[in-house]
Amino acid sequence: MLQMKRDSFIFYRSFLEAIKALPEAEQTQLLIALIDYALNGEEVDSKLSGYALGYFALMKPQIDANNKKFKNGKKGGRPKIKENQEITENKPKENQEITESEPNVNDNVNDNDNENENENDKEKNSLGIKKEISFSEKFALFKTEALRPNNPWGKTIKKNNCILDLGKVLDQFYDWLIETGGEAKFINNDLNSNKGWFKNALDRFYDPKSQITIGPTEYLRDGKRYFRHYANEFEVPLSMPPRPGVDYIIDKEHSNRWKYVGF
């Protein structure tokens, strides 16, 4: 638990994107837990579960880094000098010779200041200039949101693009972003922009035939699977096995099976 309580903290856009990706009930839980931890140092692991706990684990290191910088700043600064002391030190003695050099009362203070500045510079180099969230961390949030149960976007993407295993396709997207140097753009984009990017670039890294095996007279078109029987076209569920032959149609009683209709 943190020893120092704060009156404010930095709330990043990436935090908001992560919170908005959760169901409404969990959004409130994560937001309150994040504030309690950042301002009061309250451990919140027991208050959260599931995706909310996972998102908090990604936010926590940034909160800790900022609090560390805040505490270091509290320790720094020039020591206060009493008024009488300052006047006495700056005022030369009456009998002091003109050639005598004035004492440098700030020698120790300057050393301390420089030391604190150097420490702050090191802190800034290791934490302040670092991206608010790394590419791998932000992609993990994106993937978690895409695979969240009952997420309509994930369901639509799978249905319209011949995808059985969305997790594998997301991993292919991750690799493609690295290969094409898209990490910085992905970090700067908001959630909806990255969803659109995934959808528009899908054909550059995903081949539906890597997940869908088709049989005779079957074909893929516009993200769906079909087969032709004589002059008629029928849509095929993506999870069905390949059509065994041209004399098979979908069994009406068992929609995920092929039925032989030959003679």
C-alpha atoms as a PDB file:
ATOM      1  CA  MET A   1       0.000   0.000   0.000  1.00  0.00           C
ATOM      2  CA  LEU A   2       1.263   3.504  -0.792  1.00  0.00           C
ATOM      3  CA  GLN A   3       2.369   5.603   2.198  1.00  0.00           C
ATOM      4  CA  MET A   4       1.525   8.989   0.658  1.00  0.00           C
ATOM      5  CA  LYS A   5      -2.012  10.092  -0.162  1.00  0.00           C
ATOM      6  CA  ARG A   6      -2.585  12.401  -3.103  1.00  0.00           C
ATOM      7  CA  ASP A   7      -5.204  14.977  -4.078  1.00  0.00           C
ATOM      8  CA  SER A   8      -4.931  14.313  -7.810  1.00  0.00           C
ATOM      9  CA  PHE A   9      -3.409  11.966 -10.375  1.00  0.00           C
ATOM     10  CA  ILE A  10      -2.932  11.698 -14.151  1.00  0.00           C
ATOM     11  CA  PHE A  11      -5.772   9.900 -15.921  1.00  0.00           C
ATOM     12  CA  TYR A  12      -4.717   8.751 -19.406  1.00  0.00           C
ATOM     13  CA  ARG A  13      -6.873   8.327 -22.485  1.00  0.00           C
ATOM     14  CA  SER A  14      -5.832   4.674 -22.652  1.00  0.00           C
ATOM     15  CA  PHE A  15      -7.409   4.187 -19.198  1.00  0.00           C
ATOM     16  CA  LEU A  16     -10.704   5.539 -20.531  1.00  0.00           C
ATOM     17  CA  GLU A  17     -10.597   3.272 -23.582  1.00  0.00           C
ATOM     18  CA  ALA A  18     -10.017   0.234 -21.396  1.00  0.00           C
ATOM     19  CA  ILE A  19     -12.843   1.146 -18.998  1.00  0.00           C
ATOM     20  CA  LYS A  20     -15.300   1.806 -21.842  1.00  0.00           C
ATOM     21  CA  ALA A  21     -14.573  -1.654 -23.228  1.00  0.00           C
ATOM     22  CA  LEU A  22     -16.146  -3.246 -20.140  1.00  0.00           C
ATOM     23  CA  PRO A  23     -19.845  -3.788 -19.351  1.00  0.00           C
ATOM     24  CA  GLU A  24     -21.367  -0.818 -17.499  1.00  0.00           C
ATOM     25  CA  ALA A  25     -21.402  -2.525 -14.095  1.00  0.00           C
ATOM     26  CA  GLU A  26     -17.700  -3.373 -14.331  1.00  0.00           C
ATOM     27  CA  GLN A  27     -16.843   0.100 -15.642  1.00  0.00           C
ATOM     28  CA  THR A  28     -17.875   1.667 -12.331  1.00  0.00           C
ATOM     29  CA  GLN A  29     -16.027  -0.958 -10.294  1.00  0.00           C
ATOM     30  CA  LEU A  30     -12.779  -0.469 -12.209  1.00  0.00           C
ATOM     31  CA  LEU A  31     -13.007   3.340 -12.149  1.00  0.00           C
ATOM     32  CA  ILE A  32     -13.572   3.493  -8.365  1.00  0.00           C
ATOM     33  CA  ALA A  33     -10.813   0.940  -7.763  1.00  0.00           C
ATOM     34  CA  LEU A  34      -8.381   2.890  -9.960  1.00  0.00           C
ATOM     35  CA  ILE A  35      -9.114   6.157  -8.147  1.00  0.00           C
ATOM     36  CA  ASP A  36      -8.807   4.535  -4.706  1.00  0.00           C
ATOM     37  CA  TYR A  37      -5.449   3.087  -5.629  1.00  0.00           C
ATOM     38  CA  ALA A  38      -4.056   6.226  -7.261  1.00  0.00           C
ATOM     39  CA  LEU A  39      -5.160   8.662  -4.539  1.00  0.00           C
ATOM     40  CA  ASN A  40      -5.228   6.553  -1.379  1.00  0.00           C
ATOM     41  CA  GLY A  41      -2.968   3.610  -2.147  1.00  0.00           C
ATOM     42  CA  GLU A  42      -5.714   1.080  -1.458  1.00  0.00           C
ATOM     43  CA  GLU A  43      -5.038  -2.389  -2.818  1.00  0.00           C
ATOM     44  CA  VAL A  44      -7.979  -3.415  -4.990  1.00  0.00           C
ATOM     45  CA  ASP A  45      -7.203  -6.960  -6.125  1.00  0.00           C
ATOM     46  CA  SER A  46      -9.945  -8.364  -3.889  1.00  0.00           C
ATOM     47  CA  LYS A  47     -12.491  -5.874  -5.263  1.00  0.00           C
ATOM     48  CA  LEU A  48     -12.063  -6.784  -8.935  1.00  0.00           C
ATOM     49  CA  SER A  49     -12.226  -9.913 -11.030  1.00  0.00           C
ATOM     50  CA  GLY A  50     -12.178 -11.049 -14.655  1.00  0.00           C
ATOM     51  CA  TYR A  51     -11.440  -8.463 -17.321  1.00  0.00           C
ATOM     52  CA  ALA A  52     -11.638  -5.546 -14.869  1.00  0.00           C
ATOM     53  CA  LEU A  53      -8.805  -7.044 -12.821  1.00  0.00           C
ATOM     54  CA  GLY A  54      -6.766  -7.659 -15.965  1.00  0.00           C
ATOM     55  CA  TYR A  55      -7.203  -4.073 -17.138  1.00  0.00           C
ATOM     56  CA  PHE A  56      -6.233  -2.746 -13.706  1.00  0.00           C
ATOM     57  CA  ALA A  57      -3.056  -4.837 -13.788  1.00  0.00           C
ATOM     58  CA  LEU A  58      -2.067  -3.033 -17.007  1.00  0.00           C
ATOM     59  CA  MET A  59      -2.828   0.423 -15.566  1.00  0.00           C
ATOM     60  CA  LYS A  60      -1.141  -0.128 -12.201  1.00  0.00           C
ATOM     61  CA  PRO A  61       2.525   0.192 -13.332  1.00  0.00           C
ATOM     62  CA  GLN A  62       1.852   3.640 -14.810  1.00  0.00           C
ATOM     63  CA  ILE A  63       0.144   4.798 -11.607  1.00  0.00           C
ATOM     64  CA  ASP A  64       3.077   3.469  -9.556  1.00  0.00           C
ATOM     65  CA  ALA A  65       5.597   5.231 -11.806  1.00  0.00           C
ATOM     66  CA  ASN A  66       3.786   8.562 -11.529  1.00  0.00           C
ATOM     67  CA  ASN A  67       3.477   8.249  -7.749  1.00  0.00           C
ATOM     68  CA  LYS A  68       7.188   7.525  -7.506  1.00  0.00           C
ATOM     69  CA  LYS A  69       7.968  10.691  -9.438  1.00  0.00           C
ATOM     70  CA  PHE A  70       5.559  12.608  -7.206  1.00  0.00           C
ATOM     71  CA  LYS A  71       7.275  11.344  -4.041  1.00  0.00           C
ATOM     72  CA  ASN A  72      10.724  12.178  -5.413  1.00  0.00           C
ATOM     73  CA  GLY A  73       9.537  15.689  -6.212  1.00  0.00           C
ATOM     74  CA  LYS A  74       8.335  16.099  -2.626  1.00  0.00           C
ATOM     75  CA  LYS A  75      11.809  15.245  -1.356  1.00  0.00           C
ATOM     76  CA  GLY A  76      13.615  17.707  -3.661  1.00  0.00           C
ATOM     77  CA  GLY A  77      13.783  21.486  -3.736  1.00  0.00           C
ATOM     78  CA  ARG A  78      15.917  24.163  -2.112  1.00  0.00           C
ATOM     79  CA  PRO A  79      15.982  24.124   1.722  1.00  0.00           C
ATOM     80  CA  LYS A  80      14.327  27.093   3.380  1.00  0.00           C
ATOM     81  CA  ILE A  81      16.597  29.779   4.885  1.00  0.00           C
ATOM     82  CA  LYS A  82      15.533  31.858   7.855  1.00  0.00           C
ATOM     83  CA  GLU A  83      15.145  35.555   7.162  1.00  0.00           C
ATOM     84  CA  ASN A  84      17.728  36.655   9.713  1.00  0.00           C
ATOM     85  CA  GLN A  85      20.195  34.072   8.476  1.00  0.00           C
ATOM     86  CA  GLU A  86      19.849  35.259   4.892  1.00  0.00           C
ATOM     87  CA  ILE A  87      20.349  38.914   5.841  1.00  0.00           C
ATOM     88  CA  THR A  88      23.349  38.138   8.019  1.00  0.00           C
ATOM     89  CA  GLU A  89      25.078  36.042   5.419  1.00  0.00           C
ATOM     90  CA  ASN A  90      24.504  38.426   2.556  1.00  0.00           C
ATOM     91  CA  LYS A  91      25.451  41.565   4.493  1.00  0.00           C
ATOM     92  CA  PRO A  92      29.258  42.113   4.636  1.00  0.00           C
ATOM     93  CA  LYS A  93      30.922  42.946   7.919  1.00  0.00           C
ATOM     94  CA  GLU A  94      31.858  46.605   8.465  1.00  0.00           C
ATOM     95  CA  ASN A  95      35.571  45.877   8.976  1.00  0.00           C
ATOM     96  CA  GLN A  96      35.806  43.346   6.193  1.00  0.00           C
ATOM     97  CA  GLU A  97      38.573  44.085   3.708  1.00  0.00           C
ATOM     98  CA  ILE A  98      37.498  44.952   0.199  1.00  0.00           C
ATOM     99  CA  THR A  99      39.750  42.328  -1.313  1.00  0.00           C
ATOM    100  CA  GLU A 100      38.177  39.544   0.716  1.00  0.00           C
ATOM    101  CA  SER A 101      35.916  37.433  -1.418  1.00  0.00           C
ATOM    102  CA  GLU A 102      32.311  37.001  -0.337  1.00  0.00           C
ATOM    103  CA  PRO A 103      31.466  33.594   1.051  1.00  0.00           C
ATOM    104  CA  ASN A 104      29.520  31.354  -1.296  1.00  0.00           C
ATOM    105  CA  VAL A 105      26.585  30.476   0.913  1.00  0.00           C
ATOM    106  CA  ASN A 106      24.927  28.491  -1.885  1.00  0.00           C
ATOM    107  CA  ASP A 107      27.666  25.918  -2.457  1.00  0.00           C
ATOM    108  CA  ASN A 108      25.945  23.096  -0.609  1.00  0.00           C
ATOM    109  CA  VAL A 109      22.518  24.129  -1.838  1.00  0.00           C
ATOM    110  CA  ASN A 110      23.612  24.074  -5.466  1.00  0.00           C
ATOM    111  CA  ASP A 111      25.152  20.654  -5.040  1.00  0.00           C
ATOM    112  CA  ASN A 112      21.909  19.347  -3.644  1.00  0.00           C
ATOM    113  CA  ASP A 113      19.905  21.030  -6.369  1.00  0.00           C
ATOM    114  CA  ASN A 114      22.061  19.544  -9.108  1.00  0.00           C
ATOM    115  CA  GLU A 115      21.858  16.144  -7.505  1.00  0.00           C
ATOM    116  CA  ASN A 116      18.078  16.338  -7.340  1.00  0.00           C
ATOM    117  CA  GLU A 117      17.883  17.587 -10.921  1.00  0.00           C
ATOM    118  CA  ASN A 118      20.020  14.692 -12.118  1.00  0.00           C
ATOM    119  CA  GLU A 119      17.831  12.221 -10.267  1.00  0.00           C
ATOM    120  CA  ASN A 120      14.728  13.789 -11.781  1.00  0.00           C
ATOM    121  CA  ASP A 121      16.293  13.649 -15.247  1.00  0.00           C
ATOM    122  CA  LYS A 122      16.992   9.936 -14.786  1.00  0.00           C
ATOM    123  CA  GLU A 123      13.429   9.434 -13.642  1.00  0.00           C
ATOM    124  CA  LYS A 124      12.128  11.316 -16.646  1.00  0.00           C
ATOM    125  CA  ASN A 125      14.271   9.366 -19.076  1.00  0.00           C
ATOM    126  CA  SER A 126      13.113   6.038 -17.695  1.00  0.00           C
ATOM    127  CA  LEU A 127       9.488   6.944 -17.028  1.00  0.00           C
ATOM    128  CA  GLY A 128       8.485  10.395 -18.281  1.00  0.00           C
ATOM    129  CA  ILE A 129       9.449   9.904 -21.921  1.00  0.00           C
ATOM    130  CA  LYS A 130       8.150   6.359 -21.991  1.00  0.00           C
ATOM    131  CA  LYS A 131       4.907   5.902 -23.889  1.00  0.00           C
ATOM    132  CA  GLU A 132       1.799   6.012 -21.744  1.00  0.00           C
ATOM    133  CA  ILE A 133       1.152   2.406 -22.685  1.00  0.00           C
ATOM    134  CA  SER A 134       3.256   0.015 -24.711  1.00  0.00           C
ATOM    135  CA  PHE A 135       2.145  -1.535 -27.991  1.00  0.00           C
ATOM    136  CA  SER A 136       1.881  -5.020 -26.492  1.00  0.00           C
ATOM    137  CA  GLU A 137      -0.149  -3.712 -23.537  1.00  0.00           C
ATOM    138  CA  LYS A 138      -2.575  -1.788 -25.725  1.00  0.00           C
ATOM    139  CA  PHE A 139      -2.955  -4.693 -28.116  1.00  0.00           C
ATOM    140  CA  ALA A 140      -3.711  -6.976 -25.165  1.00  0.00           C
ATOM    141  CA  LEU A 141      -6.583  -4.642 -24.241  1.00  0.00           C
ATOM    142  CA  PHE A 142      -7.778  -4.630 -27.850  1.00  0.00           C
ATOM    143  CA  LYS A 143      -7.686  -8.421 -28.038  1.00  0.00           C
ATOM    144  CA  THR A 144      -9.459  -8.828 -24.709  1.00  0.00           C
ATOM    145  CA  GLU A 145     -12.241  -6.519 -25.848  1.00  0.00           C
ATOM    146  CA  ALA A 146     -12.584  -8.291 -29.209  1.00  0.00           C
ATOM    147  CA  LEU A 147     -12.859 -11.701 -27.533  1.00  0.00           C
ATOM    148  CA  ARG A 148     -15.150 -10.535 -24.733  1.00  0.00           C
ATOM    149  CA  PRO A 149     -18.206 -12.813 -24.506  1.00  0.00           C
ATOM    150  CA  ASN A 150     -21.303 -11.380 -26.184  1.00  0.00           C
ATOM    151  CA  ASN A 151     -19.282  -8.659 -27.876  1.00  0.00           C
ATOM    152  CA  PRO A 152     -21.349  -7.819 -30.999  1.00  0.00           C
ATOM    153  CA  TRP A 153     -18.322  -6.496 -32.907  1.00  0.00           C
ATOM    154  CA  GLY A 154     -16.410  -9.743 -32.495  1.00  0.00           C
ATOM    155  CA  LYS A 155     -19.424 -11.821 -33.502  1.00  0.00           C
ATOM    156  CA  THR A 156     -20.031  -9.713 -36.602  1.00  0.00           C
ATOM    157  CA  ILE A 157     -16.383  -9.869 -37.663  1.00  0.00           C
ATOM    158  CA  LYS A 158     -16.384 -13.654 -37.400  1.00  0.00           C
ATOM    159  CA  LYS A 159     -19.694 -14.047 -39.217  1.00  0.00           C
ATOM    160  CA  ASN A 160     -18.873 -11.743 -42.121  1.00  0.00           C
ATOM    161  CA  ASN A 161     -15.279 -12.813 -42.745  1.00  0.00           C
ATOM    162  CA  CYS A 162     -15.245 -16.614 -42.561  1.00  0.00           C
ATOM    163  CA  ILE A 163     -13.462 -16.671 -39.194  1.00  0.00           C
ATOM    164  CA  LEU A 164     -13.740 -19.606 -36.822  1.00  0.00           C
ATOM    165  CA  ASP A 165     -10.965 -18.694 -34.394  1.00  0.00           C
ATOM    166  CA  LEU A 166     -10.856 -14.927 -33.927  1.00  0.00           C
ATOM    167  CA  GLY A 167      -8.011 -15.201 -31.421  1.00  0.00           C
ATOM    168  CA  LYS A 168      -5.669 -16.638 -34.050  1.00  0.00           C
ATOM    169  CA  VAL A 169      -6.598 -13.925 -36.534  1.00  0.00           C
ATOM    170  CA  LEU A 170      -5.933 -11.241 -33.928  1.00  0.00           C
ATOM    171  CA  ASP A 171      -2.486 -12.752 -33.377  1.00  0.00           C
ATOM    172  CA  GLN A 172      -1.907 -12.535 -37.130  1.00  0.00           C
ATOM    173  CA  PHE A 173      -2.944  -8.860 -36.993  1.00  0.00           C
ATOM    174  CA  TYR A 174      -0.408  -8.298 -34.191  1.00  0.00           C
ATOM    175  CA  ASP A 175       2.387  -9.845 -36.262  1.00  0.00           C
ATOM    176  CA  TRP A 176       1.340  -7.870 -39.339  1.00  0.00           C
ATOM    177  CA  LEU A 177       1.426  -4.578 -37.421  1.00  0.00           C
ATOM    178  CA  ILE A 178       4.984  -5.278 -36.311  1.00  0.00           C
ATOM    179  CA  GLU A 179       6.053  -6.309 -39.821  1.00  0.00           C
ATOM    180  CA  THR A 180       4.608  -3.124 -41.335  1.00  0.00           C
ATOM    181  CA  GLY A 181       5.743  -0.775 -38.557  1.00  0.00           C
ATOM    182  CA  GLY A 182       2.240   0.049 -37.382  1.00  0.00           C
ATOM    183  CA  GLU A 183       2.911  -0.043 -33.627  1.00  0.00           C
ATOM    184  CA  ALA A 184       2.998   3.735 -33.083  1.00  0.00           C
ATOM    185  CA  LYS A 185      -0.183   4.326 -35.067  1.00  0.00           C
ATOM    186  CA  PHE A 186      -1.963   1.555 -33.160  1.00  0.00           C
ATOM    187  CA  ILE A 187      -0.947   3.121 -29.829  1.00  0.00           C
ATOM    188  CA  ASN A 188      -2.183   6.574 -30.861  1.00  0.00           C
ATOM    189  CA  ASN A 189      -5.482   5.316 -32.308  1.00  0.00           C
ATOM    190  CA  ASP A 190      -8.595   4.970 -30.188  1.00  0.00           C
ATOM    191  CA  LEU A 191     -10.425   1.660 -29.897  1.00  0.00           C
ATOM    192  CA  ASN A 192     -12.892   2.246 -32.727  1.00  0.00           C
ATOM    193  CA  SER A 193     -10.137   3.359 -35.111  1.00  0.00           C
ATOM    194  CA  ASN A 194      -8.190   0.164 -34.457  1.00  0.00           C
ATOM    195  CA  LYS A 195     -11.328  -1.912 -34.980  1.00  0.00           C
ATOM    196  CA  GLY A 196     -11.784  -0.263 -38.354  1.00  0.00           C
ATOM    197  CA  TRP A 197      -8.126  -0.798 -39.191  1.00  0.00           C
ATOM    198  CA  PHE A 198      -8.395  -4.491 -38.367  1.00  0.00           C
ATOM    199  CA  LYS A 199     -11.472  -4.861 -40.552  1.00  0.00           C
ATOM    200  CA  ASN A 200     -10.101  -2.931 -43.535  1.00  0.00           C
ATOM    201  CA  ALA A 201      -6.707  -4.651 -43.504  1.00  0.00           C
ATOM    202  CA  LEU A 202      -8.039  -8.151 -42.836  1.00  0.00           C
ATOM    203  CA  ASP A 203      -7.362  -9.514 -46.319  1.00  0.00           C
ATOM    204  CA  ARG A 204      -3.676  -8.507 -46.005  1.00  0.00           C
ATOM    205  CA  PHE A 205      -2.905 -10.960 -43.216  1.00  0.00           C
ATOM    206  CA  TYR A 206      -5.797 -13.447 -43.146  1.00  0.00           C
ATOM    207  CA  ASP A 207      -6.770 -16.108 -45.675  1.00  0.00           C
ATOM    208  CA  PRO A 208     -10.166 -17.692 -44.835  1.00  0.00           C
ATOM    209  CA  LYS A 209      -9.012 -20.998 -46.316  1.00  0.00           C
ATOM    210  CA  SER A 210      -6.527 -21.254 -43.448  1.00  0.00           C
ATOM    211  CA  GLN A 211      -9.494 -21.912 -41.164  1.00  0.00           C
ATOM    212  CA  ILE A 212     -12.261 -23.048 -43.524  1.00  0.00           C
ATOM    213  CA  THR A 213     -11.887 -26.272 -45.502  1.00  0.00           C
ATOM    214  CA  ILE A 214     -14.399 -26.556 -48.327  1.00  0.00           C
ATOM    215  CA  GLY A 215     -15.582 -29.443 -50.480  1.00  0.00           C
ATOM    216  CA  PRO A 216     -16.931 -29.952 -54.028  1.00  0.00           C
ATOM    217  CA  THR A 217     -18.915 -27.014 -55.428  1.00  0.00           C
ATOM    218  CA  GLU A 218     -18.324 -25.038 -52.231  1.00  0.00           C
ATOM    219  CA  TYR A 219     -16.898 -21.518 -52.316  1.00  0.00           C
ATOM    220  CA  LEU A 220     -16.327 -18.445 -50.174  1.00  0.00           C
ATOM    221  CA  ARG A 221     -17.772 -15.071 -51.132  1.00  0.00           C
ATOM    222  CA  ASP A 222     -18.049 -11.802 -49.238  1.00  0.00           C
ATOM    223  CA  GLY A 223     -17.069 -13.442 -45.981  1.00  0.00           C
ATOM    224  CA  LYS A 224     -19.612 -16.261 -46.229  1.00  0.00           C
ATOM    225  CA  ARG A 225     -19.535 -19.899 -47.278  1.00  0.00           C
ATOM    226  CA  TYR A 226     -21.819 -21.387 -49.950  1.00  0.00           C
ATOM    227  CA  PHE A 227     -22.380 -24.511 -51.989  1.00  0.00           C
ATOM    228  CA  ARG A 228     -24.260 -24.982 -55.220  1.00  0.00           C
ATOM    229  CA  HIS A 229     -26.646 -27.855 -55.824  1.00  0.00           C
ATOM    230  CA  TYR A 230     -27.843 -27.890 -59.421  1.00  0.00           C
ATOM    231  CA  ALA A 231     -29.010 -24.318 -60.087  1.00  0.00           C
ATOM    232  CA  ASN A 232     -29.532 -23.424 -56.437  1.00  0.00           C
ATOM    233  CA  GLU A 233     -27.134 -21.727 -54.022  1.00  0.00           C
ATOM    234  CA  PHE A 234     -27.147 -22.457 -50.297  1.00  0.00           C
ATOM    235  CA  GLU A 235     -25.251 -20.839 -47.434  1.00  0.00           C
ATOM    236  CA  VAL A 236     -23.172 -23.188 -45.300  1.00  0.00           C
ATOM    237  CA  PRO A 237     -22.400 -22.683 -41.585  1.00  0.00           C
ATOM    238  CA  LEU A 238     -18.701 -21.969 -41.173  1.00  0.00           C
ATOM    239  CA  SER A 239     -18.267 -24.728 -38.618  1.00  0.00           C
ATOM    240  CA  MET A 240     -19.497 -27.503 -40.909  1.00  0.00           C
ATOM    241  CA  PRO A 241     -17.020 -30.059 -42.239  1.00  0.00           C
ATOM    242  CA  PRO A 242     -16.262 -29.986 -45.986  1.00  0.00           C
ATOM    243  CA  ARG A 243     -19.005 -31.173 -48.295  1.00  0.00           C
ATOM    244  CA  PRO A 244     -18.248 -34.854 -48.977  1.00  0.00           C
ATOM    245  CA  GLY A 245     -19.480 -34.785 -52.579  1.00  0.00           C
ATOM    246  CA  VAL A 246     -21.902 -33.264 -55.063  1.00  0.00           C
ATOM    247  CA  ASP A 247     -24.709 -35.585 -53.894  1.00  0.00           C
ATOM    248  CA  TYR A 248     -24.780 -34.096 -50.380  1.00  0.00           C
ATOM    249  CA  ILE A 249     -26.942 -31.281 -49.056  1.00  0.00           C
ATOM    250  CA  ILE A 250     -27.389 -29.796 -45.593  1.00  0.00           C
ATOM    251  CA  ASP A 251     -29.538 -31.973 -43.370  1.00  0.00           C
ATOM    252  CA  LYS A 252     -32.592 -29.921 -42.374  1.00  0.00           C
ATOM    253  CA  GLU A 253     -32.986 -31.858 -39.139  1.00  0.00           C
ATOM    254  CA  HIS A 254     -29.315 -31.487 -38.217  1.00  0.00           C
ATOM    255  CA  SER A 255     -28.141 -28.170 -39.620  1.00  0.00           C
ATOM    256  CA  ASN A 256     -24.486 -28.937 -39.025  1.00  0.00           C
ATOM    257  CA  ARG A 257     -24.462 -32.209 -40.981  1.00  0.00           C
ATOM    258  CA  TRP A 258     -24.393 -33.225 -44.618  1.00  0.00           C
ATOM    259  CA  LYS A 259     -27.101 -35.544 -45.919  1.00  0.00           C
ATOM    260  CA  TYR A 260     -26.613 -37.890 -48.856  1.00  0.00           C
ATOM    261  CA  VAL A 261     -29.352 -37.505 -51.509  1.00  0.00           C
ATOM    262  CA  GLY A 262     -27.846 -39.564 -54.348  1.00  0.00           C
ATOM    263  CA  PHE A 263     -29.216 -42.739 -55.858  1.00  0.00           C
END
